[in-house]
Amino acid sequence: MCDYESGLVYQINNGDSIFAKIDLTTVIFSCFTILINPVALCLTFQVAINAHLLSILIMLEITSEILVAISQIANKLCPYFMATSQMWLNVLACYMWTSEFLISLFNSFCRQNILGMVIERCFNIYYPNTDLLRFPKTVGGLFCFSLTYNLISNLHLVISVELNSNGQCQVISEAIIEDTHKLDLIVLRNISLVMIDILPFVLVTVVCILVILSRQKHKRKNSIFINQQSDGTKSIQRQLDLLVLVWCSLGVIINAVDIFLDICDVYKE
């Protein structure tokens, strides 16, 4: 069912392309993610975290990263599927897999989880005795909004591929796209640029600044209270803050790079 001649293994065995080396590096890092993240997930289950929503977001983030890594490995090994007699399978494989819609969707969930963790940290600083899980309707509504948000922002990938007369999936060349479809593609790409890259970048950056400023302010005010906390609690808190900070820093850098690349891609003509 898989078209192995388009996969990474075939490219490495039959050529010395720089793109194959880049794909191989991606696969190696994805394998590393798959091996490390389950350990982090198990540790998260074993640690009692006062902020329950943060623990849920961390678990969702780790799970999303595992799904991204698995999808990236599978996509590099088998980017295209052979045409089958089942049209629904051809459509699913083409518009969900070959277009990389599924991988981009998982990546979007990762960024949303990072944004959620930063907001939760900020909320915990301003309202230390309040857990967001006390407002289940609000949290549930935000997750539903996040799902819809991510689906809409990735729609531009769906129209970048099509099934030909033989039922095979092919990537549409921009040179042969009709003017009407080209306009749709530009509109959807701009929507994706704003929703996936620019808005999360601005929100994460602003909230990170608020978290840092508030941390410094509360640290000065509550120095006596902090000294009375157990070493274990302070250690866990520092580790969680460091973990969230690392994720957010990576998210900000990735978003900044994606913004630059997407702007170049949208306006290159």
Protein backbone atom coordinates (compact mmCIF):
# COMPACT_ATOMS: atom_id res chain seq x y z
CA MET A 1 0.00 0.00 0.00
CA CYS A 2 2.91 2.35 0.71
CA ASP A 3 4.89 3.87 -2.15
CA TYR A 4 8.34 3.03 -0.77
CA GLU A 5 10.16 4.68 -3.69
CA SER A 6 9.11 8.05 -2.29
CA GLY A 7 10.20 7.17 1.25
CA LEU A 8 13.33 8.00 3.19
CA VAL A 9 14.90 4.52 3.06
CA TYR A 10 14.75 4.42 -0.74
CA GLN A 11 16.18 7.96 -1.04
CA ILE A 12 19.13 7.14 1.24
CA ASN A 13 19.92 3.90 -0.60
CA ASN A 14 19.65 5.47 -4.05
CA GLY A 15 21.10 8.93 -3.64
CA ASP A 16 22.95 11.43 -1.50
CA SER A 17 20.38 14.21 -1.30
CA ILE A 18 20.72 16.91 1.34
CA PHE A 19 16.96 16.67 1.88
CA ALA A 20 17.31 12.98 2.71
CA LYS A 21 19.93 13.86 5.34
CA ILE A 22 17.63 16.49 6.83
CA ASP A 23 14.78 13.97 6.92
CA LEU A 24 17.09 11.42 8.56
CA THR A 25 18.01 13.97 11.24
CA THR A 26 14.31 14.62 11.84
CA VAL A 27 13.68 10.89 12.24
CA ILE A 28 16.56 10.56 14.73
CA PHE A 29 15.28 13.41 16.89
CA SER A 30 11.74 12.01 16.65
CA CYS A 31 13.00 8.63 17.89
CA PHE A 32 14.73 10.39 20.78
CA THR A 33 11.45 12.15 21.63
CA ILE A 34 9.53 8.87 21.57
CA LEU A 35 12.05 7.29 23.96
CA ILE A 36 12.33 10.18 26.43
CA ASN A 37 8.78 11.53 26.66
CA PRO A 38 7.13 8.36 28.05
CA VAL A 39 9.61 8.52 30.94
CA ALA A 40 8.63 12.13 31.59
CA LEU A 41 4.96 11.14 31.38
CA CYS A 42 5.44 8.41 34.00
CA LEU A 43 7.26 10.84 36.29
CA THR A 44 4.42 13.34 35.90
CA PHE A 45 1.91 10.71 37.04
CA GLN A 46 4.03 9.98 40.11
CA VAL A 47 4.50 13.59 41.23
CA ALA A 48 1.71 15.28 43.16
CA ILE A 49 1.28 18.68 41.55
CA ASN A 50 -0.78 21.30 43.34
CA ALA A 51 -1.94 22.84 40.07
CA HIS A 52 -3.96 19.96 38.63
CA LEU A 53 -4.60 21.71 35.32
CA LEU A 54 -0.86 22.12 34.83
CA SER A 55 -0.34 18.39 35.30
CA ILE A 56 -3.04 17.69 32.70
CA LEU A 57 -1.48 20.16 30.26
CA ILE A 58 1.96 18.61 30.78
CA MET A 59 0.54 15.15 30.06
CA LEU A 60 -1.24 16.45 26.96
CA GLU A 61 1.93 18.19 25.78
CA ILE A 62 4.05 15.06 26.22
CA THR A 63 1.42 12.92 24.49
CA SER A 64 1.12 15.42 21.61
CA GLU A 65 4.89 15.46 21.16
CA ILE A 66 4.93 11.66 21.00
CA LEU A 67 2.17 11.72 18.35
CA VAL A 68 4.08 14.37 16.37
CA ALA A 69 7.26 12.28 16.50
CA ILE A 70 5.48 9.08 15.43
CA SER A 71 3.71 10.91 12.60
CA GLN A 72 6.95 12.51 11.39
CA ILE A 73 8.77 9.17 11.31
CA ALA A 74 5.91 7.46 9.51
CA ASN A 75 5.57 10.33 7.03
CA LYS A 76 9.28 10.33 6.18
CA LEU A 77 9.23 6.56 5.63
CA CYS A 78 5.98 6.58 3.68
CA PRO A 79 4.92 10.04 2.42
CA TYR A 80 2.68 8.61 -0.31
CA PHE A 81 0.25 5.70 -0.51
CA MET A 82 -0.47 3.56 -3.53
CA ALA A 83 -3.95 3.93 -5.00
CA THR A 84 -6.41 1.30 -3.75
CA SER A 85 -9.87 0.21 -4.83
CA GLN A 86 -11.32 1.92 -1.76
CA MET A 87 -11.94 5.55 -2.66
CA TRP A 88 -12.54 6.60 0.96
CA LEU A 89 -9.11 5.23 1.88
CA ASN A 90 -7.49 7.11 -1.00
CA VAL A 91 -9.17 10.34 0.08
CA LEU A 92 -8.21 9.82 3.72
CA ALA A 93 -4.59 8.99 2.91
CA CYS A 94 -4.28 11.90 0.50
CA TYR A 95 -5.98 14.76 2.32
CA MET A 96 -5.05 13.73 5.85
CA TRP A 97 -1.63 12.11 5.40
CA THR A 98 0.17 13.19 2.23
CA SER A 99 -0.86 16.81 2.79
CA GLU A 100 0.77 16.57 6.27
CA PHE A 101 -2.51 17.85 7.73
CA LEU A 102 -2.32 15.33 10.58
CA ILE A 103 1.26 16.23 11.53
CA SER A 104 0.49 19.95 11.43
CA LEU A 105 -2.60 19.37 13.58
CA PHE A 106 -0.56 17.59 16.26
CA ASN A 107 2.01 20.39 16.12
CA SER A 108 -0.77 22.91 16.61
CA PHE A 109 -1.94 21.03 19.70
CA CYS A 110 1.62 21.20 21.06
CA ARG A 111 1.65 24.97 20.66
CA GLN A 112 -1.79 25.32 22.22
CA ASN A 113 -0.67 23.23 25.21
CA ILE A 114 2.41 25.42 25.62
CA LEU A 115 0.22 28.52 25.53
CA GLY A 116 -2.14 26.91 28.05
CA MET A 117 0.73 26.11 30.42
CA VAL A 118 2.02 29.68 30.32
CA ILE A 119 -1.45 31.09 30.97
CA GLU A 120 -1.97 28.61 33.82
CA ARG A 121 1.35 29.65 35.40
CA CYS A 122 0.34 33.30 35.09
CA PHE A 123 -3.10 32.60 36.58
CA ASN A 124 -1.49 30.66 39.45
CA ILE A 125 0.73 33.65 40.26
CA TYR A 126 -2.12 36.16 40.44
CA TYR A 127 -4.59 33.74 42.09
CA PRO A 128 -2.45 31.21 43.98
CA ASN A 129 -5.34 29.57 45.84
CA THR A 130 -7.58 29.06 42.81
CA ASP A 131 -7.47 26.13 40.40
CA LEU A 132 -8.87 26.61 36.90
CA LEU A 133 -10.40 23.13 37.12
CA ARG A 134 -12.97 24.65 39.45
CA PHE A 135 -14.46 26.12 36.29
CA PRO A 136 -15.01 22.97 34.18
CA LYS A 137 -17.34 24.62 31.66
CA THR A 138 -14.80 27.34 30.94
CA VAL A 139 -11.95 24.84 30.57
CA GLY A 140 -14.09 22.52 28.42
CA GLY A 141 -15.16 25.42 26.22
CA LEU A 142 -11.55 26.50 25.76
CA PHE A 143 -10.53 23.00 24.70
CA CYS A 144 -13.42 22.82 22.20
CA PHE A 145 -12.43 26.24 20.88
CA SER A 146 -8.81 25.05 20.62
CA LEU A 147 -9.88 22.02 18.58
CA THR A 148 -11.95 24.13 16.17
CA TYR A 149 -9.18 26.74 16.02
CA ASN A 150 -6.57 24.16 15.05
CA LEU A 151 -8.77 22.50 12.43
CA ILE A 152 -9.54 25.81 10.71
CA SER A 153 -5.96 27.03 10.82
CA ASN A 154 -4.68 23.91 9.03
CA LEU A 155 -7.25 23.84 6.21
CA HIS A 156 -4.78 25.33 3.72
CA LEU A 157 -2.93 21.98 3.67
CA VAL A 158 -6.02 20.11 2.47
CA ILE A 159 -6.27 22.05 -0.81
CA SER A 160 -2.54 21.60 -1.52
CA VAL A 161 -3.14 18.01 -2.72
CA GLU A 162 -5.63 16.29 -5.01
CA LEU A 163 -6.60 12.89 -6.38
CA ASN A 164 -5.92 12.49 -10.09
CA SER A 165 -8.05 10.48 -12.53
CA ASN A 166 -6.21 7.28 -11.54
CA GLY A 167 -7.05 7.74 -7.87
CA GLN A 168 -3.46 8.59 -6.95
CA CYS A 169 -2.62 11.46 -4.63
CA GLN A 170 -0.46 14.24 -5.97
CA VAL A 171 0.76 17.56 -4.63
CA ILE A 172 -0.67 20.44 -6.64
CA SER A 173 1.97 22.59 -8.27
CA GLU A 174 1.33 26.29 -7.71
CA ALA A 175 2.14 26.87 -11.37
CA ILE A 176 -1.00 24.99 -12.48
CA ILE A 177 -3.41 26.14 -9.79
CA GLU A 178 -6.33 28.09 -11.19
CA ASP A 179 -6.62 31.73 -10.18
CA THR A 180 -9.71 31.09 -8.02
CA HIS A 181 -8.04 28.23 -6.15
CA LYS A 182 -4.81 30.22 -5.87
CA LEU A 183 -6.76 33.00 -4.16
CA ASP A 184 -8.31 30.47 -1.77
CA LEU A 185 -4.86 29.08 -1.02
CA ILE A 186 -3.44 32.54 -0.30
CA VAL A 187 -6.38 33.39 1.98
CA LEU A 188 -6.10 30.13 3.92
CA ARG A 189 -2.32 30.50 4.22
CA ASN A 190 -2.74 33.99 5.65
CA ILE A 191 -5.33 32.68 8.10
CA SER A 192 -2.91 29.93 9.07
CA LEU A 193 -0.08 32.44 9.44
CA VAL A 194 -2.12 34.58 11.83
CA MET A 195 -3.78 31.76 13.80
CA ILE A 196 -0.93 29.26 14.12
CA ASP A 197 2.13 31.52 14.21
CA ILE A 198 1.54 35.20 14.94
CA LEU A 199 -1.19 35.05 17.62
CA PRO A 200 0.46 32.27 19.69
CA PHE A 201 3.82 34.04 19.34
CA VAL A 202 2.43 37.34 20.63
CA LEU A 203 0.39 35.72 23.42
CA VAL A 204 3.19 33.48 24.66
CA THR A 205 5.69 36.35 24.62
CA VAL A 206 3.37 38.74 26.48
CA VAL A 207 2.32 36.16 29.08
CA CYS A 208 5.95 35.05 29.60
CA ILE A 209 6.89 38.66 30.34
CA LEU A 210 3.98 38.93 32.79
CA VAL A 211 5.02 35.67 34.48
CA ILE A 212 8.63 36.81 34.88
CA LEU A 213 7.64 40.23 36.25
CA SER A 214 5.03 38.76 38.59
CA ARG A 215 7.43 36.07 39.80
CA GLN A 216 9.98 38.70 40.77
CA LYS A 217 7.34 40.81 42.51
CA HIS A 218 5.86 37.89 44.46
CA LYS A 219 9.30 36.54 45.27
CA ARG A 220 10.17 39.78 47.06
CA LYS A 221 6.83 39.97 48.87
CA ASN A 222 6.62 36.34 49.93
CA SER A 223 10.25 35.58 50.72
CA ILE A 224 9.34 34.59 54.29
CA PHE A 225 6.56 32.28 53.11
CA ILE A 226 8.79 30.71 50.48
CA ASN A 227 11.45 29.95 53.10
CA GLN A 228 8.83 28.13 55.16
CA GLN A 229 7.95 25.77 52.31
CA SER A 230 9.41 22.30 52.29
CA ASP A 231 12.45 21.69 50.13
CA GLY A 232 10.52 19.06 48.16
CA THR A 233 7.73 21.48 47.27
CA LYS A 234 10.18 24.19 46.22
CA SER A 235 12.16 21.69 44.17
CA ILE A 236 9.07 20.46 42.33
CA GLN A 237 7.93 24.03 41.71
CA ARG A 238 11.31 25.04 40.30
CA GLN A 239 11.39 21.97 38.05
CA LEU A 240 7.88 22.68 36.74
CA ASP A 241 8.70 26.33 36.10
CA LEU A 242 11.91 25.31 34.31
CA LEU A 243 10.03 22.74 32.22
CA VAL A 244 7.36 25.25 31.20
CA LEU A 245 10.05 27.87 30.49
CA VAL A 246 11.96 25.50 28.20
CA TRP A 247 8.82 24.51 26.31
CA CYS A 248 7.79 28.15 25.95
CA SER A 249 11.24 29.25 24.79
CA LEU A 250 11.29 26.55 22.13
CA GLY A 251 7.73 27.45 21.13
CA VAL A 252 8.61 31.13 20.76
CA ILE A 253 11.69 30.35 18.65
CA ILE A 254 9.80 27.88 16.43
CA ASN A 255 6.95 30.35 15.98
CA ALA A 256 9.35 33.14 15.06
CA VAL A 257 11.05 30.95 12.44
CA ASP A 258 7.70 29.75 11.08
CA ILE A 259 6.43 33.31 10.82
CA PHE A 260 9.46 34.27 8.73
CA LEU A 261 9.19 31.18 6.50
CA ASP A 262 5.42 31.49 6.04
CA ILE A 263 5.64 35.18 5.16
CA CYS A 264 8.32 34.37 2.58
CA ASP A 265 6.17 31.52 1.24
CA VAL A 266 2.96 33.55 1.04
CA TYR A 267 4.47 36.66 -0.54
CA LYS A 268 7.29 35.16 -2.57
CA GLU A 269 5.46 36.00 -5.78
